[in-house]
N, C-alpha and C. Protein backbone atom coordinates (compact mmCIF):
# COMPACT_ATOMS: atom_id res chain seq x y z
N UNK A 1 44.35 12.90 6.40
CA UNK A 1 43.09 13.50 6.80
C UNK A 1 42.21 12.42 7.45
N UNK A 2 41.73 12.71 8.63
CA UNK A 2 40.82 11.78 9.31
C UNK A 2 39.40 12.02 8.84
N UNK A 3 38.83 11.00 8.28
CA UNK A 3 37.42 11.09 7.90
C UNK A 3 36.59 10.42 8.97
N UNK A 4 35.56 11.09 9.35
CA UNK A 4 34.67 10.58 10.37
C UNK A 4 33.54 9.80 9.70
N UNK A 5 33.32 8.60 10.15
CA UNK A 5 32.20 7.81 9.64
C UNK A 5 30.98 8.10 10.51
N UNK A 6 29.89 8.41 9.85
CA UNK A 6 28.65 8.71 10.57
C UNK A 6 27.64 7.62 10.24
N UNK A 7 27.08 7.03 11.27
CA UNK A 7 26.03 6.04 11.11
C UNK A 7 24.70 6.68 11.49
N UNK A 8 23.70 6.44 10.67
CA UNK A 8 22.35 6.89 10.99
C UNK A 8 21.54 5.64 11.33
N UNK A 9 21.11 5.57 12.56
CA UNK A 9 20.34 4.42 13.02
C UNK A 9 18.89 4.84 13.10
N UNK A 10 18.01 3.97 12.61
CA UNK A 10 16.58 4.25 12.63
C UNK A 10 15.91 3.38 13.69
N UNK A 11 15.90 3.85 14.95
CA UNK A 11 15.30 3.04 16.01
C UNK A 11 13.79 2.89 15.81
N UNK A 12 13.35 1.66 15.76
CA UNK A 12 11.95 1.35 15.58
C UNK A 12 11.70 -0.01 16.20
N UNK A 13 10.53 -0.20 16.75
CA UNK A 13 10.16 -1.50 17.29
C UNK A 13 8.99 -2.02 16.46
N UNK A 14 9.30 -2.87 15.52
CA UNK A 14 8.25 -3.40 14.65
C UNK A 14 7.33 -4.32 15.46
N UNK A 15 6.05 -4.15 15.26
CA UNK A 15 5.08 -4.93 16.01
C UNK A 15 3.90 -5.27 15.11
N UNK A 16 3.58 -6.54 15.01
CA UNK A 16 2.38 -7.00 14.30
C UNK A 16 1.34 -7.38 15.35
N UNK A 17 0.44 -6.45 15.71
CA UNK A 17 -0.45 -6.71 16.85
C UNK A 17 -1.46 -7.84 16.64
N UNK A 18 -1.64 -8.31 15.41
CA UNK A 18 -2.63 -9.37 15.21
C UNK A 18 -2.05 -10.58 14.48
N UNK A 19 -0.74 -10.72 14.46
CA UNK A 19 -0.16 -11.80 13.68
C UNK A 19 -0.20 -13.13 14.43
N UNK A 20 0.53 -13.25 15.52
CA UNK A 20 0.60 -14.53 16.22
C UNK A 20 -0.05 -14.53 17.59
N UNK A 21 -0.82 -13.50 17.88
CA UNK A 21 -1.48 -13.44 19.17
C UNK A 21 -2.83 -12.78 19.03
N UNK A 22 -3.60 -12.87 20.06
CA UNK A 22 -4.89 -12.21 20.11
C UNK A 22 -4.68 -10.70 19.96
N UNK A 23 -5.57 -10.02 19.26
CA UNK A 23 -5.38 -8.59 18.98
C UNK A 23 -5.24 -7.77 20.25
N UNK A 24 -5.94 -8.14 21.33
CA UNK A 24 -5.82 -7.39 22.59
C UNK A 24 -4.42 -7.52 23.16
N UNK A 25 -3.89 -8.74 23.11
CA UNK A 25 -2.53 -8.96 23.59
C UNK A 25 -1.53 -8.19 22.73
N UNK A 26 -1.75 -8.18 21.43
CA UNK A 26 -0.86 -7.45 20.52
C UNK A 26 -0.86 -5.96 20.77
N UNK A 27 -2.05 -5.38 20.98
CA UNK A 27 -2.12 -3.95 21.25
C UNK A 27 -1.49 -3.62 22.61
N UNK A 28 -1.72 -4.49 23.59
CA UNK A 28 -1.10 -4.26 24.91
C UNK A 28 0.43 -4.37 24.83
N UNK A 29 0.92 -5.22 23.94
CA UNK A 29 2.37 -5.29 23.72
C UNK A 29 2.88 -3.95 23.19
N UNK A 30 2.05 -3.25 22.44
CA UNK A 30 2.40 -1.92 21.97
C UNK A 30 2.65 -0.96 23.12
N UNK A 31 1.82 -1.05 24.16
CA UNK A 31 2.01 -0.19 25.34
C UNK A 31 3.33 -0.54 26.03
N UNK A 32 3.57 -1.82 26.25
CA UNK A 32 4.80 -2.26 26.92
C UNK A 32 6.03 -1.81 26.14
N UNK A 33 6.00 -1.99 24.83
CA UNK A 33 7.12 -1.60 23.98
C UNK A 33 7.38 -0.11 24.07
N UNK A 34 6.32 0.69 23.95
CA UNK A 34 6.46 2.14 23.98
C UNK A 34 6.95 2.62 25.35
N UNK A 35 6.42 2.04 26.42
CA UNK A 35 6.90 2.40 27.77
C UNK A 35 8.40 2.14 27.90
N UNK A 36 8.83 1.00 27.39
CA UNK A 36 10.26 0.65 27.45
C UNK A 36 11.09 1.67 26.69
N UNK A 37 10.65 2.03 25.50
CA UNK A 37 11.38 3.02 24.69
C UNK A 37 11.41 4.37 25.40
N UNK A 38 10.27 4.80 25.94
CA UNK A 38 10.23 6.09 26.64
C UNK A 38 11.18 6.09 27.84
N UNK A 39 11.24 4.99 28.57
CA UNK A 39 12.17 4.90 29.70
C UNK A 39 13.62 4.97 29.22
N UNK A 40 13.92 4.30 28.11
CA UNK A 40 15.26 4.38 27.54
C UNK A 40 15.59 5.79 27.08
N UNK A 41 14.60 6.50 26.57
CA UNK A 41 14.80 7.88 26.14
C UNK A 41 15.08 8.78 27.34
N UNK A 42 14.45 8.48 28.48
CA UNK A 42 14.72 9.23 29.71
C UNK A 42 16.18 9.04 30.14
N UNK A 43 16.69 7.82 29.98
CA UNK A 43 18.06 7.51 30.37
C UNK A 43 19.09 8.01 29.37
N UNK A 44 18.69 8.12 28.11
CA UNK A 44 19.61 8.48 27.02
C UNK A 44 19.06 9.67 26.25
N UNK A 45 19.45 10.89 26.64
CA UNK A 45 18.87 12.09 26.03
C UNK A 45 19.11 12.26 24.54
N UNK A 46 20.03 11.50 23.95
CA UNK A 46 20.27 11.61 22.52
C UNK A 46 19.47 10.58 21.72
N UNK A 47 18.81 9.66 22.40
CA UNK A 47 18.04 8.63 21.72
C UNK A 47 16.79 9.23 21.08
N UNK A 48 16.59 8.90 19.82
CA UNK A 48 15.35 9.26 19.13
C UNK A 48 14.65 7.96 18.74
N UNK A 49 13.41 8.08 18.33
CA UNK A 49 12.63 6.88 18.02
C UNK A 49 11.61 7.21 16.95
N UNK A 50 11.18 6.19 16.22
CA UNK A 50 10.11 6.38 15.25
C UNK A 50 9.11 5.24 15.35
N UNK A 51 7.86 5.58 15.16
CA UNK A 51 6.77 4.60 15.29
C UNK A 51 5.67 4.99 14.32
N UNK A 52 5.08 4.02 13.71
CA UNK A 52 3.95 4.22 12.81
C UNK A 52 2.69 3.63 13.41
N UNK A 53 1.77 3.27 12.58
CA UNK A 53 0.53 2.57 12.92
C UNK A 53 -0.36 3.31 13.92
N UNK A 54 -1.33 4.00 13.38
CA UNK A 54 -2.27 4.76 14.21
C UNK A 54 -3.01 3.86 15.20
N UNK A 55 -3.23 2.60 14.86
CA UNK A 55 -3.97 1.70 15.76
C UNK A 55 -3.26 1.57 17.11
N UNK A 56 -1.93 1.52 17.11
CA UNK A 56 -1.17 1.42 18.36
C UNK A 56 -1.33 2.71 19.18
N UNK A 57 -1.18 3.86 18.50
CA UNK A 57 -1.34 5.14 19.19
C UNK A 57 -2.75 5.28 19.78
N UNK A 58 -3.77 4.92 19.02
CA UNK A 58 -5.15 5.01 19.52
C UNK A 58 -5.34 4.16 20.77
N UNK A 59 -4.80 2.95 20.75
CA UNK A 59 -4.93 2.06 21.90
C UNK A 59 -4.22 2.66 23.12
N UNK A 60 -3.04 3.20 22.91
CA UNK A 60 -2.31 3.83 24.02
C UNK A 60 -3.09 5.03 24.53
N UNK A 61 -3.61 5.83 23.64
CA UNK A 61 -4.38 7.02 24.04
C UNK A 61 -5.58 6.63 24.91
N UNK A 62 -6.27 5.55 24.53
CA UNK A 62 -7.46 5.10 25.27
C UNK A 62 -7.13 4.45 26.60
N UNK A 63 -6.08 3.64 26.63
CA UNK A 63 -5.84 2.79 27.79
C UNK A 63 -4.67 3.22 28.68
N UNK A 64 -3.79 4.07 28.16
CA UNK A 64 -2.63 4.52 28.95
C UNK A 64 -2.35 5.99 28.63
N UNK A 65 -3.27 6.88 29.04
CA UNK A 65 -3.12 8.30 28.69
C UNK A 65 -1.82 8.93 29.17
N UNK A 66 -1.27 8.44 30.28
CA UNK A 66 0.01 8.97 30.76
C UNK A 66 1.14 8.65 29.78
N UNK A 67 1.11 7.47 29.20
CA UNK A 67 2.11 7.08 28.20
C UNK A 67 1.90 7.92 26.94
N UNK A 68 0.66 8.14 26.57
CA UNK A 68 0.36 8.96 25.39
C UNK A 68 0.90 10.38 25.56
N UNK A 69 0.74 10.95 26.75
CA UNK A 69 1.29 12.29 27.02
C UNK A 69 2.81 12.30 26.88
N UNK A 70 3.44 11.24 27.35
CA UNK A 70 4.91 11.16 27.22
C UNK A 70 5.32 11.12 25.75
N UNK A 71 4.56 10.40 24.93
CA UNK A 71 4.85 10.37 23.49
C UNK A 71 4.73 11.77 22.91
N UNK A 72 3.64 12.45 23.23
CA UNK A 72 3.45 13.82 22.71
C UNK A 72 4.60 14.73 23.14
N UNK A 73 5.06 14.58 24.38
CA UNK A 73 6.20 15.38 24.85
C UNK A 73 7.44 15.12 24.00
N UNK A 74 7.70 13.86 23.71
CA UNK A 74 8.87 13.51 22.89
C UNK A 74 8.72 14.03 21.46
N UNK A 75 7.51 14.01 20.94
CA UNK A 75 7.27 14.57 19.60
C UNK A 75 7.61 16.06 19.61
N UNK A 76 7.12 16.76 20.62
CA UNK A 76 7.38 18.20 20.72
C UNK A 76 8.87 18.49 20.87
N UNK A 77 9.61 17.60 21.52
CA UNK A 77 11.07 17.76 21.68
C UNK A 77 11.82 17.45 20.38
N UNK A 78 11.14 16.83 19.42
CA UNK A 78 11.81 16.44 18.19
C UNK A 78 12.55 15.13 18.29
N UNK A 79 12.22 14.33 19.30
CA UNK A 79 12.92 13.05 19.51
C UNK A 79 12.08 11.84 19.12
N UNK A 80 10.84 12.07 18.75
CA UNK A 80 9.93 10.97 18.38
C UNK A 80 9.31 11.34 17.05
N UNK A 81 9.52 10.50 16.04
CA UNK A 81 8.96 10.74 14.71
C UNK A 81 7.82 9.77 14.45
N UNK A 82 6.74 10.32 13.96
CA UNK A 82 5.61 9.49 13.52
C UNK A 82 5.81 9.25 12.04
N UNK A 83 5.90 7.99 11.66
CA UNK A 83 6.18 7.62 10.27
C UNK A 83 5.08 6.71 9.73
N UNK A 84 5.11 6.52 8.45
CA UNK A 84 4.22 5.54 7.82
C UNK A 84 2.93 6.11 7.33
N UNK A 85 2.16 6.70 8.22
CA UNK A 85 0.89 7.29 7.82
C UNK A 85 -0.25 6.32 7.69
N UNK A 86 -0.10 5.09 8.19
CA UNK A 86 -1.16 4.09 8.04
C UNK A 86 -1.73 3.66 9.39
N UNK A 87 -2.89 3.03 9.34
CA UNK A 87 -3.55 2.55 10.55
C UNK A 87 -2.83 1.32 11.08
N UNK A 88 -2.56 0.38 10.20
CA UNK A 88 -1.69 -0.76 10.45
C UNK A 88 -0.79 -0.85 9.23
N UNK A 89 0.29 -1.61 9.32
CA UNK A 89 1.09 -1.79 8.11
C UNK A 89 0.29 -2.65 7.15
N UNK A 90 -0.14 -2.06 6.04
CA UNK A 90 -1.02 -2.81 5.14
C UNK A 90 -0.26 -3.78 4.26
N UNK A 91 -1.01 -4.73 3.74
CA UNK A 91 -0.50 -5.58 2.67
C UNK A 91 -0.58 -4.72 1.42
N UNK A 92 0.51 -4.09 1.05
CA UNK A 92 0.47 -3.17 -0.09
C UNK A 92 0.71 -3.89 -1.41
N UNK A 93 0.76 -5.21 -1.36
CA UNK A 93 0.97 -6.00 -2.57
C UNK A 93 -0.36 -6.36 -3.23
N UNK A 94 -1.35 -6.72 -2.44
CA UNK A 94 -2.60 -7.23 -2.99
C UNK A 94 -3.84 -6.40 -2.64
N UNK A 95 -3.72 -5.43 -1.77
CA UNK A 95 -4.89 -4.65 -1.36
C UNK A 95 -5.39 -3.78 -2.50
N UNK A 96 -6.68 -3.50 -2.46
CA UNK A 96 -7.25 -2.61 -3.47
C UNK A 96 -6.81 -1.18 -3.19
N UNK A 97 -6.84 -0.35 -4.21
CA UNK A 97 -6.49 1.06 -4.06
C UNK A 97 -7.39 1.71 -3.03
N UNK A 98 -8.68 1.37 -3.05
CA UNK A 98 -9.64 1.95 -2.09
C UNK A 98 -9.26 1.62 -0.65
N UNK A 99 -8.86 0.39 -0.39
CA UNK A 99 -8.46 -0.02 0.96
C UNK A 99 -7.24 0.77 1.42
N UNK A 100 -6.24 0.86 0.56
CA UNK A 100 -5.04 1.60 0.90
C UNK A 100 -5.35 3.08 1.11
N UNK A 101 -6.20 3.63 0.25
CA UNK A 101 -6.59 5.04 0.33
C UNK A 101 -7.23 5.34 1.68
N UNK A 102 -8.19 4.51 2.08
CA UNK A 102 -8.88 4.73 3.36
C UNK A 102 -7.94 4.56 4.55
N UNK A 103 -7.01 3.63 4.44
CA UNK A 103 -6.02 3.42 5.50
C UNK A 103 -5.25 4.72 5.75
N UNK A 104 -4.75 5.34 4.69
CA UNK A 104 -4.01 6.60 4.82
C UNK A 104 -4.92 7.74 5.27
N UNK A 105 -6.07 7.84 4.66
CA UNK A 105 -6.98 8.95 4.96
C UNK A 105 -7.33 8.99 6.46
N UNK A 106 -7.73 7.86 7.00
CA UNK A 106 -8.11 7.79 8.42
C UNK A 106 -6.91 8.08 9.33
N UNK A 107 -5.79 7.47 9.02
CA UNK A 107 -4.63 7.59 9.89
C UNK A 107 -4.02 8.97 9.87
N UNK A 108 -3.88 9.56 8.70
CA UNK A 108 -3.29 10.90 8.62
C UNK A 108 -4.15 11.92 9.34
N UNK A 109 -5.47 11.76 9.27
CA UNK A 109 -6.38 12.65 10.01
C UNK A 109 -6.15 12.48 11.52
N UNK A 110 -6.02 11.23 11.97
CA UNK A 110 -5.77 10.96 13.39
C UNK A 110 -4.44 11.57 13.84
N UNK A 111 -3.37 11.32 13.09
CA UNK A 111 -2.06 11.84 13.47
C UNK A 111 -2.07 13.36 13.59
N UNK A 112 -2.73 14.02 12.66
CA UNK A 112 -2.78 15.48 12.68
C UNK A 112 -3.58 15.97 13.90
N UNK A 113 -4.73 15.36 14.13
CA UNK A 113 -5.60 15.82 15.22
C UNK A 113 -5.03 15.50 16.60
N UNK A 114 -4.56 14.30 16.80
CA UNK A 114 -4.17 13.85 18.14
C UNK A 114 -2.70 14.05 18.48
N UNK A 115 -1.83 14.08 17.45
CA UNK A 115 -0.40 14.21 17.72
C UNK A 115 0.19 15.49 17.13
N UNK A 116 -0.61 16.20 16.33
CA UNK A 116 -0.14 17.45 15.75
C UNK A 116 0.93 17.29 14.68
N UNK A 117 0.98 16.11 14.06
CA UNK A 117 1.98 15.85 13.03
C UNK A 117 1.33 15.19 11.82
N UNK A 118 1.99 15.34 10.70
CA UNK A 118 1.55 14.66 9.48
C UNK A 118 2.77 13.98 8.88
N UNK A 119 2.83 12.65 8.97
CA UNK A 119 3.99 11.94 8.43
C UNK A 119 4.18 12.23 6.93
N UNK A 120 5.44 12.32 6.53
CA UNK A 120 5.77 12.51 5.12
C UNK A 120 6.68 11.40 4.59
N UNK A 121 7.05 10.48 5.46
CA UNK A 121 7.86 9.34 5.05
C UNK A 121 7.05 8.07 5.29
N UNK A 122 6.79 7.34 4.22
CA UNK A 122 6.09 6.06 4.33
C UNK A 122 7.08 5.03 4.86
N UNK A 123 6.56 4.09 5.63
CA UNK A 123 7.42 3.13 6.32
C UNK A 123 6.74 1.78 6.33
N UNK A 124 7.43 0.75 5.86
CA UNK A 124 6.92 -0.61 5.96
C UNK A 124 8.06 -1.54 6.29
N UNK A 125 8.07 -1.97 7.54
CA UNK A 125 9.14 -2.87 7.99
C UNK A 125 8.89 -4.30 7.55
N UNK A 126 7.65 -4.66 7.25
CA UNK A 126 7.38 -6.08 7.07
C UNK A 126 6.36 -6.42 5.99
N UNK A 127 6.19 -5.58 5.01
CA UNK A 127 5.31 -5.93 3.90
C UNK A 127 6.11 -6.74 2.89
N UNK A 128 5.49 -7.76 2.33
CA UNK A 128 6.24 -8.68 1.46
C UNK A 128 6.34 -8.22 0.01
N UNK A 129 5.70 -7.14 -0.32
CA UNK A 129 5.78 -6.62 -1.68
C UNK A 129 4.91 -5.39 -1.80
N UNK A 130 4.97 -4.77 -2.96
CA UNK A 130 4.26 -3.51 -3.15
C UNK A 130 3.67 -3.47 -4.56
N UNK A 131 2.43 -3.05 -4.65
CA UNK A 131 1.78 -2.94 -5.93
C UNK A 131 2.47 -1.89 -6.79
N UNK A 132 2.38 -2.03 -8.09
CA UNK A 132 3.05 -1.10 -9.01
C UNK A 132 2.57 0.34 -8.80
N UNK A 133 1.35 0.52 -8.36
CA UNK A 133 0.81 1.86 -8.14
C UNK A 133 1.12 2.45 -6.78
N UNK A 134 1.93 1.77 -5.98
CA UNK A 134 2.24 2.21 -4.63
C UNK A 134 2.79 3.63 -4.59
N UNK A 135 3.74 3.99 -5.46
CA UNK A 135 4.24 5.38 -5.42
C UNK A 135 3.13 6.41 -5.69
N UNK A 136 2.20 6.09 -6.59
CA UNK A 136 1.09 7.01 -6.86
C UNK A 136 0.27 7.25 -5.60
N UNK A 137 -0.03 6.18 -4.88
CA UNK A 137 -0.83 6.29 -3.66
C UNK A 137 -0.05 7.11 -2.61
N UNK A 138 1.21 6.78 -2.42
CA UNK A 138 2.01 7.49 -1.42
C UNK A 138 2.14 8.97 -1.76
N UNK A 139 2.42 9.28 -3.02
CA UNK A 139 2.58 10.68 -3.42
C UNK A 139 1.25 11.43 -3.29
N UNK A 140 0.14 10.77 -3.54
CA UNK A 140 -1.16 11.46 -3.43
C UNK A 140 -1.47 11.85 -1.99
N UNK A 141 -0.82 11.20 -1.03
CA UNK A 141 -0.99 11.56 0.38
C UNK A 141 0.18 12.37 0.92
N UNK A 142 0.97 12.92 0.02
CA UNK A 142 2.05 13.83 0.42
C UNK A 142 3.30 13.16 0.91
N UNK A 143 3.43 11.87 0.69
CA UNK A 143 4.65 11.18 1.12
C UNK A 143 5.80 11.59 0.21
N UNK A 144 6.91 11.94 0.83
CA UNK A 144 8.09 12.38 0.09
C UNK A 144 9.11 11.27 -0.07
N UNK A 145 8.99 10.23 0.74
CA UNK A 145 9.92 9.12 0.67
C UNK A 145 9.28 7.86 1.20
N UNK A 146 9.96 6.74 0.97
CA UNK A 146 9.45 5.44 1.39
C UNK A 146 10.63 4.58 1.81
N UNK A 147 10.59 4.08 3.05
CA UNK A 147 11.62 3.19 3.57
C UNK A 147 10.96 1.84 3.85
N UNK A 148 11.64 0.76 3.47
CA UNK A 148 11.06 -0.57 3.61
C UNK A 148 12.17 -1.60 3.75
N UNK A 149 11.80 -2.83 4.07
CA UNK A 149 12.79 -3.90 4.19
C UNK A 149 12.56 -5.04 3.21
N UNK A 150 11.34 -5.20 2.74
CA UNK A 150 11.04 -6.33 1.85
C UNK A 150 10.42 -5.83 0.55
N UNK A 151 10.62 -6.56 -0.52
CA UNK A 151 11.37 -7.80 -0.65
C UNK A 151 12.87 -7.53 -0.53
N UNK A 152 13.56 -8.53 -0.01
CA UNK A 152 14.99 -8.38 0.20
C UNK A 152 15.77 -8.63 -1.09
N UNK A 153 17.05 -8.35 -1.06
CA UNK A 153 17.90 -8.41 -2.26
C UNK A 153 17.81 -9.75 -2.97
N UNK A 154 17.77 -10.85 -2.24
CA UNK A 154 17.73 -12.17 -2.86
C UNK A 154 16.45 -12.37 -3.68
N UNK A 155 15.35 -11.78 -3.23
CA UNK A 155 14.09 -11.94 -3.96
C UNK A 155 13.91 -10.89 -5.06
N UNK A 156 14.47 -9.69 -4.83
CA UNK A 156 14.31 -8.61 -5.80
C UNK A 156 15.57 -7.76 -5.82
N UNK A 157 16.51 -8.10 -6.69
CA UNK A 157 17.79 -7.39 -6.71
C UNK A 157 17.64 -5.92 -7.13
N UNK A 158 18.33 -5.06 -6.42
CA UNK A 158 18.42 -3.64 -6.77
C UNK A 158 19.89 -3.28 -6.84
N UNK A 159 20.25 -2.36 -7.72
CA UNK A 159 21.65 -1.97 -7.84
C UNK A 159 22.10 -1.09 -6.69
N UNK A 160 21.15 -0.47 -6.00
CA UNK A 160 21.47 0.40 -4.86
C UNK A 160 20.30 0.36 -3.89
N UNK A 161 20.56 0.47 -2.59
CA UNK A 161 19.44 0.48 -1.64
C UNK A 161 18.59 1.75 -1.75
N UNK A 162 19.17 2.84 -2.25
CA UNK A 162 18.43 4.09 -2.47
C UNK A 162 18.14 4.22 -3.96
N UNK A 163 16.92 4.55 -4.30
CA UNK A 163 16.54 4.64 -5.72
C UNK A 163 15.27 5.49 -5.86
N UNK A 164 15.06 5.95 -7.07
CA UNK A 164 13.82 6.65 -7.41
C UNK A 164 12.87 5.63 -8.02
N UNK A 165 11.66 5.57 -7.51
CA UNK A 165 10.65 4.67 -8.07
C UNK A 165 9.75 5.53 -8.94
N UNK A 166 9.86 5.33 -10.25
CA UNK A 166 9.05 6.07 -11.21
C UNK A 166 7.83 5.24 -11.58
N UNK A 167 6.71 5.91 -11.76
CA UNK A 167 5.51 5.21 -12.19
C UNK A 167 4.65 6.16 -13.01
N UNK A 168 3.48 5.71 -13.38
CA UNK A 168 2.62 6.55 -14.21
C UNK A 168 2.17 7.80 -13.45
N UNK A 169 1.49 8.67 -14.10
CA UNK A 169 1.04 9.96 -13.56
C UNK A 169 2.22 10.86 -13.21
N UNK A 170 3.39 10.54 -13.75
CA UNK A 170 4.61 11.33 -13.53
C UNK A 170 5.02 11.40 -12.06
N UNK A 171 4.50 10.47 -11.27
CA UNK A 171 4.91 10.43 -9.86
C UNK A 171 6.27 9.77 -9.76
N UNK A 172 7.04 10.25 -8.83
CA UNK A 172 8.38 9.74 -8.57
C UNK A 172 8.58 9.77 -7.07
N UNK A 173 9.09 8.69 -6.51
CA UNK A 173 9.22 8.59 -5.07
C UNK A 173 10.62 8.13 -4.70
N UNK A 174 11.27 8.87 -3.80
CA UNK A 174 12.58 8.46 -3.31
C UNK A 174 12.39 7.31 -2.32
N UNK A 175 13.07 6.20 -2.56
CA UNK A 175 12.89 4.99 -1.76
C UNK A 175 14.23 4.52 -1.21
N UNK A 176 14.13 3.80 -0.11
CA UNK A 176 15.31 3.21 0.50
C UNK A 176 14.95 1.85 1.09
N UNK A 177 15.62 0.81 0.61
CA UNK A 177 15.41 -0.53 1.17
C UNK A 177 16.53 -0.79 2.17
N UNK A 178 16.13 -0.98 3.41
CA UNK A 178 17.09 -1.23 4.47
C UNK A 178 17.62 -2.66 4.37
N UNK A 179 18.83 -2.84 4.84
CA UNK A 179 19.45 -4.17 4.85
C UNK A 179 18.93 -4.95 6.01
């Protein structure tokens, strides 16, 4: 019997708009990155993409409305997923609950109003850790799952990359740590 192996690839272009460059340069890099992805999607009709961070979308909407329209078109086609639900990828290890709460509140309102979507999968490609109450916060904003990359196996061993994160308030969150 021939078994077919199926790979699920999560195309994403991680971008820290204020890490090693001026914030304006970082946000403009967001436009360049998104334009490149949209052009690749035009060439490859099976390509899908996912992007988070409302700050990048807002900047594109203000400064490159034609690119923003192309994003909305791809969302309507089901080829572009809005993930994460945050304004920027927050430091979810040390931030106060209030800071994290406002980050989600503002961003989810923006995504619903401007893109017609409400993310249900939390996404953090580059946070170095997560507070113990993270699942409570995510579940309170309707997140059904959480995908992340850090901490990596060497820093925090897990028996499986997919797991249920249980915490107080009887919240439970399906999580996946990417390799």
